[in-house]
Amino acid sequence: MPGINCYLCDKKMKKEAVDIKTGWGEYELRIKGLEPYICPNCNEKIYNKQEMSLLQNLSKCLSTKEANTRPKVLNIEDVVDLLIENCETISLMIKEGKLEPVKKDGEWKFDRKDIEAIN
């Protein structure tokens, strides 16, 4: 994906090493060494196919947890994992009004019940 532009704001993205801290209930999970393309303007991330597969498989494992331990607010990576979609599709769903996230601290946040209603 060399030389790609952000699908949200059309700015030039660059590849950067990142670590993800996520979790489920009392469990914390850290994934180190991912290298998505990141937009310096809106902070949108695009992961490669292998990284997306890893994140989706981990999410599937966590989704088997009891409903009362599942987080009520999700970030875009969680939504991508739950819907088995990519960031571009999620962005299109936002633009079409099918998803209504709130931007908090530079990151999209989604209500879990809205996402589960799509499946």
Protein backbone atom coordinates (compact mmCIF):
# COMPACT_ATOMS: atom_id res chain seq x y z
CA MET A 1 0.00 0.00 0.00
CA PRO A 2 2.78 2.52 -0.70
CA GLY A 3 1.77 6.13 -1.15
CA ILE A 4 -1.85 5.87 -0.02
CA ASN A 5 -4.18 8.69 0.95
CA CYS A 6 -6.64 8.65 3.83
CA TYR A 7 -10.14 7.70 2.67
CA LEU A 8 -11.63 10.06 5.30
CA CYS A 9 -9.70 13.30 4.72
CA ASP A 10 -7.53 12.51 1.64
CA LYS A 11 -4.24 13.35 3.39
CA LYS A 12 -1.09 11.33 2.72
CA MET A 13 -0.77 8.41 5.19
CA LYS A 14 2.49 7.01 6.50
CA LYS A 15 3.40 3.64 7.96
CA GLU A 16 4.17 3.66 11.66
CA ALA A 17 4.81 1.02 14.30
CA VAL A 18 2.07 0.95 16.94
CA ASP A 19 1.06 -1.10 19.94
CA ILE A 20 -2.59 -1.76 20.73
CA LYS A 21 -3.90 -2.02 24.27
CA THR A 22 -7.34 -3.56 24.42
CA GLY A 23 -9.23 -5.86 26.69
CA TRP A 24 -12.42 -7.50 27.75
CA GLY A 25 -13.82 -7.16 31.25
CA GLU A 26 -10.99 -7.68 33.70
CA TYR A 27 -8.64 -8.94 30.97
CA GLU A 28 -6.07 -6.74 29.27
CA LEU A 29 -4.46 -7.57 25.95
CA ARG A 30 -1.48 -5.80 24.40
CA ILE A 31 -0.44 -6.34 20.80
CA LYS A 32 2.97 -4.98 19.93
CA GLY A 33 4.65 -4.34 16.59
CA LEU A 34 1.72 -3.65 14.27
CA GLU A 35 2.54 -1.33 11.35
CA PRO A 36 -0.61 0.30 9.98
CA TYR A 37 -0.73 3.32 7.71
CA ILE A 38 -1.75 6.27 9.88
CA CYS A 39 -3.22 9.57 8.76
CA PRO A 40 -1.39 12.47 10.45
CA ASN A 41 -4.50 14.63 10.04
CA CYS A 42 -7.36 12.50 11.45
CA ASN A 43 -5.41 9.56 12.98
CA GLU A 44 -7.30 6.95 10.89
CA LYS A 45 -5.43 3.63 10.63
CA ILE A 46 -5.31 1.07 7.83
CA TYR A 47 -3.89 -2.34 8.73
CA ASN A 48 -2.60 -4.92 6.26
CA LYS A 49 -4.47 -8.17 5.65
CA GLN A 50 -2.34 -10.23 8.04
CA GLU A 51 -2.74 -7.72 10.88
CA MET A 52 -6.50 -7.46 10.28
CA SER A 53 -6.81 -11.24 10.36
CA LEU A 54 -4.91 -11.35 13.66
CA LEU A 55 -7.13 -8.64 15.19
CA GLN A 56 -10.32 -10.33 13.93
CA ASN A 57 -9.32 -13.74 15.29
CA LEU A 58 -8.45 -12.27 18.68
CA SER A 59 -11.76 -10.41 18.71
CA LYS A 60 -13.69 -13.60 17.90
CA CYS A 61 -12.06 -15.30 20.89
CA LEU A 62 -12.98 -12.40 23.18
CA SER A 63 -16.55 -12.27 21.82
CA THR A 64 -17.33 -15.62 23.44
CA LYS A 65 -17.12 -13.97 26.87
CA GLU A 66 -20.34 -13.50 28.81
CA ALA A 67 -22.48 -10.54 27.67
CA ASN A 68 -22.14 -8.69 30.99
CA THR A 69 -18.34 -8.58 30.60
CA ARG A 70 -18.44 -7.10 27.09
CA PRO A 71 -17.60 -3.39 26.76
CA LYS A 72 -20.53 -1.10 25.95
CA VAL A 73 -18.41 1.39 23.97
CA LEU A 74 -16.28 0.22 21.04
CA ASN A 75 -13.55 1.81 18.98
CA ILE A 76 -13.22 1.42 15.20
CA GLU A 77 -10.93 -1.63 15.48
CA ASP A 78 -13.56 -3.37 17.65
CA VAL A 79 -16.28 -2.54 15.10
CA VAL A 80 -14.14 -3.81 12.22
CA ASP A 81 -13.57 -7.03 14.15
CA LEU A 82 -17.21 -7.57 15.11
CA LEU A 83 -18.53 -6.87 11.62
CA ILE A 84 -15.65 -8.65 9.83
CA GLU A 85 -15.30 -5.60 7.61
CA ASN A 86 -12.50 -3.21 6.79
CA CYS A 87 -12.05 0.40 7.86
CA GLU A 88 -13.14 1.69 4.44
CA THR A 89 -16.50 -0.12 4.73
CA ILE A 90 -17.03 1.22 8.24
CA SER A 91 -16.22 4.74 7.01
CA LEU A 92 -18.76 4.37 4.21
CA MET A 93 -21.38 3.16 6.72
CA ILE A 94 -20.71 6.30 8.79
CA LYS A 95 -21.05 8.56 5.73
CA GLU A 96 -24.32 6.82 4.74
CA GLY A 97 -25.70 7.29 8.25
CA LYS A 98 -25.84 3.55 9.01
CA LEU A 99 -23.48 4.07 11.96
CA GLU A 100 -23.46 7.07 14.28
CA PRO A 101 -20.20 7.20 16.19
CA VAL A 102 -18.98 9.93 18.50
CA LYS A 103 -15.42 11.23 18.12
CA LYS A 104 -13.73 11.29 21.54
CA ASP A 105 -10.04 11.99 22.12
CA GLY A 106 -9.38 11.75 18.36
CA GLU A 107 -10.95 8.30 18.08
CA TRP A 108 -14.35 7.11 16.84
CA LYS A 109 -16.47 5.48 19.56
CA PHE A 110 -19.52 3.28 18.87
CA ASP A 111 -22.32 1.96 21.06
CA ARG A 112 -22.10 -1.85 21.14
CA LYS A 113 -25.88 -2.33 20.88
CA ASP A 114 -25.91 -0.36 17.60
CA ILE A 115 -23.18 -2.58 16.16
CA GLU A 116 -24.76 -5.83 17.33
CA ALA A 117 -28.05 -4.72 15.72
CA ILE A 118 -26.32 -4.72 12.32
CA ASN A 119 -25.30 -8.40 12.52
